[in-house]
Structures are given as structure tokens and as C-alpha cells.
C-alpha atoms as a PDB file:
ATOM      1  CA  MET A   1     132.800 -22.169  50.049  1.00  0.00           C
ATOM      2  CA  ILE A   2     130.794 -19.033  51.093  1.00  0.00           C
ATOM      3  CA  THR A   3     126.922 -19.409  50.246  1.00  0.00           C
ATOM      4  CA  GLY A   4     126.433 -16.009  48.803  1.00  0.00           C
ATOM      5  CA  PHE A   5     124.328 -12.728  49.111  1.00  0.00           C
ATOM      6  CA  ASN A   6     120.829 -12.078  47.542  1.00  0.00           C
ATOM      7  CA  SER A   7     119.153  -8.867  47.447  1.00  0.00           C
ATOM      8  CA  GLU A   8     115.906  -7.245  45.633  1.00  0.00           C
ATOM      9  CA  GLU A   9     116.044  -3.753  44.355  1.00  0.00           C
ATOM     10  CA  LYS A  10     113.747  -1.492  42.375  1.00  0.00           C
ATOM     11  CA  TYR A  11     114.260   1.029  39.577  1.00  0.00           C
ATOM     12  CA  GLY A  12     111.227   2.458  38.555  1.00  0.00           C
ATOM     13  CA  SER A  13     108.439  -0.059  37.461  1.00  0.00           C
ATOM     14  CA  GLN A  14     111.097  -2.733  37.398  1.00  0.00           C
ATOM     15  CA  THR A  15     112.272  -5.105  40.300  1.00  0.00           C
ATOM     16  CA  PHE A  16     115.723  -6.738  40.053  1.00  0.00           C
ATOM     17  CA  HIS A  17     117.048  -9.732  42.059  1.00  0.00           C
ATOM     18  CA  ILE A  18     120.595  -9.609  42.497  1.00  0.00           C
ATOM     19  CA  GLN A  19     122.044 -12.805  43.177  1.00  0.00           C
ATOM     20  CA  THR A  20     126.115 -13.408  44.350  1.00  0.00           C
ATOM     21  CA  GLU A  21     127.716 -16.890  44.743  1.00  0.00           C
ATOM     22  CA  ASP A  22     131.021 -18.352  45.199  1.00  0.00           C
ATOM     23  CA  ARG A  23     131.188 -21.470  42.886  1.00  0.00           C
ATOM     24  CA  GLY A  24     133.942 -22.877  45.289  1.00  0.00           C
ATOM     25  CA  LEU A  25     137.523 -23.467  45.119  1.00  0.00           C
ATOM     26  CA  LYS A  26     137.807 -25.882  42.112  1.00  0.00           C
ATOM     27  CA  ALA A  27     135.774 -23.085  40.013  1.00  0.00           C
ATOM     28  CA  ALA A  28     137.665 -20.388  41.637  1.00  0.00           C
ATOM     29  CA  ARG A  29     135.089 -18.005  40.808  1.00  0.00           C
ATOM     30  CA  ILE A  30     132.265 -15.418  42.311  1.00  0.00           C
ATOM     31  CA  ASP A  31     129.470 -15.220  40.037  1.00  0.00           C
ATOM     32  CA  THR A  32     126.791 -12.276  40.162  1.00  0.00           C
ATOM     33  CA  ILE A  33     123.740 -12.551  38.095  1.00  0.00           C
ATOM     34  CA  ILE A  34     121.170  -9.786  37.722  1.00  0.00           C
ATOM     35  CA  TYR A  35     117.439 -11.173  37.415  1.00  0.00           C
ATOM     36  CA  ARG A  36     114.666  -8.748  36.339  1.00  0.00           C
ATOM     37  CA  SER A  37     111.119  -9.521  37.496  1.00  0.00           C
ATOM     38  CA  GLY A  38     109.867 -12.450  35.604  1.00  0.00           C
ATOM     39  CA  GLY A  39     113.129 -14.148  35.889  1.00  0.00           C
ATOM     40  CA  ALA A  40     114.747 -12.748  32.629  1.00  0.00           C
ATOM     41  CA  ILE A  41     118.697 -12.864  33.256  1.00  0.00           C
ATOM     42  CA  VAL A  42     119.701  -9.224  32.433  1.00  0.00           C
ATOM     43  CA  HIS A  43     123.576  -9.572  33.328  1.00  0.00           C
ATOM     44  CA  ARG A  44     126.144 -11.927  34.374  1.00  0.00           C
ATOM     45  CA  LYS A  45     129.348 -11.111  36.023  1.00  0.00           C
ATOM     46  CA  LYS A  46     132.161 -13.956  36.342  1.00  0.00           C
ATOM     47  CA  ILE A  47     135.033 -12.974  38.695  1.00  0.00           C
ATOM     48  CA  SER A  48     137.821 -15.155  38.724  1.00  0.00           C
ATOM     49  CA  TYR A  49     140.013 -15.757  42.102  1.00  0.00           C
ATOM     50  CA  GLN A  50     142.582 -18.433  40.519  1.00  0.00           C
ATOM     51  CA  ASP A  51     145.385 -16.489  41.447  1.00  0.00           C
ATOM     52  CA  ILE A  52     144.985 -15.787  44.901  1.00  0.00           C
ATOM     53  CA  LEU A  53     144.104 -19.249  45.832  1.00  0.00           C
ATOM     54  CA  ASN A  54     147.243 -19.901  48.033  1.00  0.00           C
ATOM     55  CA  SER A  55     146.521 -16.760  50.049  1.00  0.00           C
ATOM     56  CA  GLU A  56     146.202 -16.747  53.740  1.00  0.00           C
ATOM     57  CA  ASN A  57     142.717 -16.131  54.863  1.00  0.00           C
ATOM     58  CA  LEU A  58     141.336 -17.276  51.573  1.00  0.00           C
ATOM     59  CA  GLU A  59     137.670 -17.670  52.822  1.00  0.00           C
ATOM     60  CA  GLU A  60     137.676 -14.134  54.583  1.00  0.00           C
ATOM     61  CA  ILE A  61     139.157 -12.397  51.336  1.00  0.00           C
ATOM     62  CA  ILE A  62     136.357 -14.427  49.374  1.00  0.00           C
ATOM     63  CA  ARG A  63     133.640 -13.082  51.598  1.00  0.00           C
ATOM     64  CA  GLU A  64     134.982  -9.428  51.046  1.00  0.00           C
ATOM     65  CA  LEU A  65     135.037  -9.833  47.422  1.00  0.00           C
ATOM     66  CA  MET A  66     131.692 -10.991  47.246  1.00  0.00           C
ATOM     67  CA  GLU A  67     130.388  -8.104  49.442  1.00  0.00           C
ATOM     68  CA  GLU A  68     132.306  -5.580  47.244  1.00  0.00           C
ATOM     69  CA  ILE A  69     130.689  -7.073  43.928  1.00  0.00           C
ATOM     70  CA  HIS A  70     127.143  -7.642  45.521  1.00  0.00           C
ATOM     71  CA  LYS A  71     127.390  -3.811  46.761  1.00  0.00           C
ATOM     72  CA  LYS A  72     128.774  -2.291  43.171  1.00  0.00           C
ATOM     73  CA  THR A  73     125.851  -4.409  41.338  1.00  0.00           C
ATOM     74  CA  ILE A  74     123.195  -3.032  43.833  1.00  0.00           C
ATOM     75  CA  ASN A  75     124.592   0.166  42.786  1.00  0.00           C
ATOM     76  CA  GLU A  76     124.611  -0.057  39.454  1.00  0.00           C
ATOM     77  CA  VAL A  77     121.030  -1.258  39.401  1.00  0.00           C
ATOM     78  CA  ARG A  78     119.813   1.764  41.469  1.00  0.00           C
ATOM     79  CA  LYS A  79     121.528   4.145  39.084  1.00  0.00           C
ATOM     80  CA  GLY A  80     119.496   2.140  36.440  1.00  0.00           C
ATOM     81  CA  LEU A  81     122.152   0.678  34.301  1.00  0.00           C
ATOM     82  CA  TRP A  82     120.387  -2.425  33.628  1.00  0.00           C
ATOM     83  CA  THR A  83     117.208  -1.441  32.683  1.00  0.00           C
ATOM     84  CA  LEU A  84     117.426  -1.831  29.214  1.00  0.00           C
ATOM     85  CA  GLY A  85     115.905  -5.107  27.536  1.00  0.00           C
ATOM     86  CA  ARG A  86     112.561  -6.523  26.430  1.00  0.00           C
ATOM     87  CA  ASP A  87     110.807  -3.305  28.111  1.00  0.00           C
ATOM     88  CA  MET A  88     113.032  -0.863  25.702  1.00  0.00           C
ATOM     89  CA  VAL A  89     113.455  -2.492  22.610  1.00  0.00           C
ATOM     90  CA  PRO A  90     113.142  -0.122  19.781  1.00  0.00           C
ATOM     91  CA  ASP A  91     110.185  -0.667  16.972  1.00  0.00           C
ATOM     92  CA  VAL A  92     112.685  -0.695  14.549  1.00  0.00           C
ATOM     93  CA  SER A  93     115.756  -3.032  13.513  1.00  0.00           C
ATOM     94  CA  PHE A  94     119.299  -1.625  14.076  1.00  0.00           C
ATOM     95  CA  ARG A  95     119.637  -1.768  10.451  1.00  0.00           C
ATOM     96  CA  GLU A  96     116.748   0.268   9.667  1.00  0.00           C
ATOM     97  CA  THR A  97     118.000   2.711  12.268  1.00  0.00           C
ATOM     98  CA  VAL A  98     121.388   3.279  10.551  1.00  0.00           C
ATOM     99  CA  MET A  99     119.497   3.491   6.987  1.00  0.00           C
ATOM    100  CA  ARG A 100     117.330   6.495   8.251  1.00  0.00           C
ATOM    101  CA  TYR A 101     120.470   8.113   9.351  1.00  0.00           C
ATOM    102  CA  LEU A 102     122.496   7.512   6.497  1.00  0.00           C
ATOM    103  CA  LEU A 103     119.373   8.660   4.142  1.00  0.00           C
ATOM    104  CA  GLN A 104     119.126  12.105   6.184  1.00  0.00           C
ATOM    105  CA  PRO A 105     119.857  14.905   3.571  1.00  0.00           C
ATOM    106  CA  GLY A 106     123.352  15.775   3.956  1.00  0.00           C
ATOM    107  CA  ARG A 107     124.794  12.785   5.720  1.00  0.00           C
ATOM    108  CA  LEU A 108     126.113  11.180   2.362  1.00  0.00           C
ATOM    109  CA  THR A 109     128.483  14.150   1.149  1.00  0.00           C
ATOM    110  CA  GLY A 110     130.263  13.948  -2.074  1.00  0.00           C
ATOM    111  CA  LEU A 111     127.830  11.676  -3.905  1.00  0.00           C
ATOM    112  CA  GLU A 112     126.288  12.696  -6.779  1.00  0.00           C
ATOM    113  CA  GLU A 113     122.763  11.785  -7.881  1.00  0.00           C
END
């Protein structure tokens, strides 16, 4: 089992911790978790490698997969793809947003008052 990779990345005023781990041959899975500063989990990826368990050089293949997944996740954070969350929650509910949209003049065509 390969222990994993840990990185810290900033996007704007937010800091993210990216953690990629091998869950071992029994689970046959790589997990990558993105935490926002304060410990809130922003996103979790679970990648199975069950289909390659009989491969030669399995440990090397797993390490390469982990590195690739970790680097890709770092790039996603750098691009701001995981900045949504409690800091950007709208002031109104989704239902209220939809109702406001639907009640705009001209939205409901073909209805008589």
C-alpha cells in the first residue's frame, strides 16, 4: 500500500488541502479528498482499481495513478473549480430563485390573466 500525497493550494482567499491515498488492495481504491481551510470537505473522488489487481508492477501503476489524480485535482483547485460552498451560498433559496425567474414578465407565455 502506498501512503499518499498531501498538498496545500490557495485560490483567492481560500486555502485547500488535497489528500490522495491508496486504500489498499482489499478496497482496491484511490481516494482524493479536498478540504477547505477549517476542515470542511469540499469534494471526494473515489477511483477503483479493482480491474487491474492482477497487473504486473501493480504498485508502480497505483503510484502513477495516484500522482496523476493528485496533480489533476491540484490543477482543478488552482482553476477555482472547488471554491463554491458556504462562502458563496445565495441569500435566497433555489425555489425562490426559480419563482422569481418564472414570474418575470414574458416568461409564462400563452397564459391569460
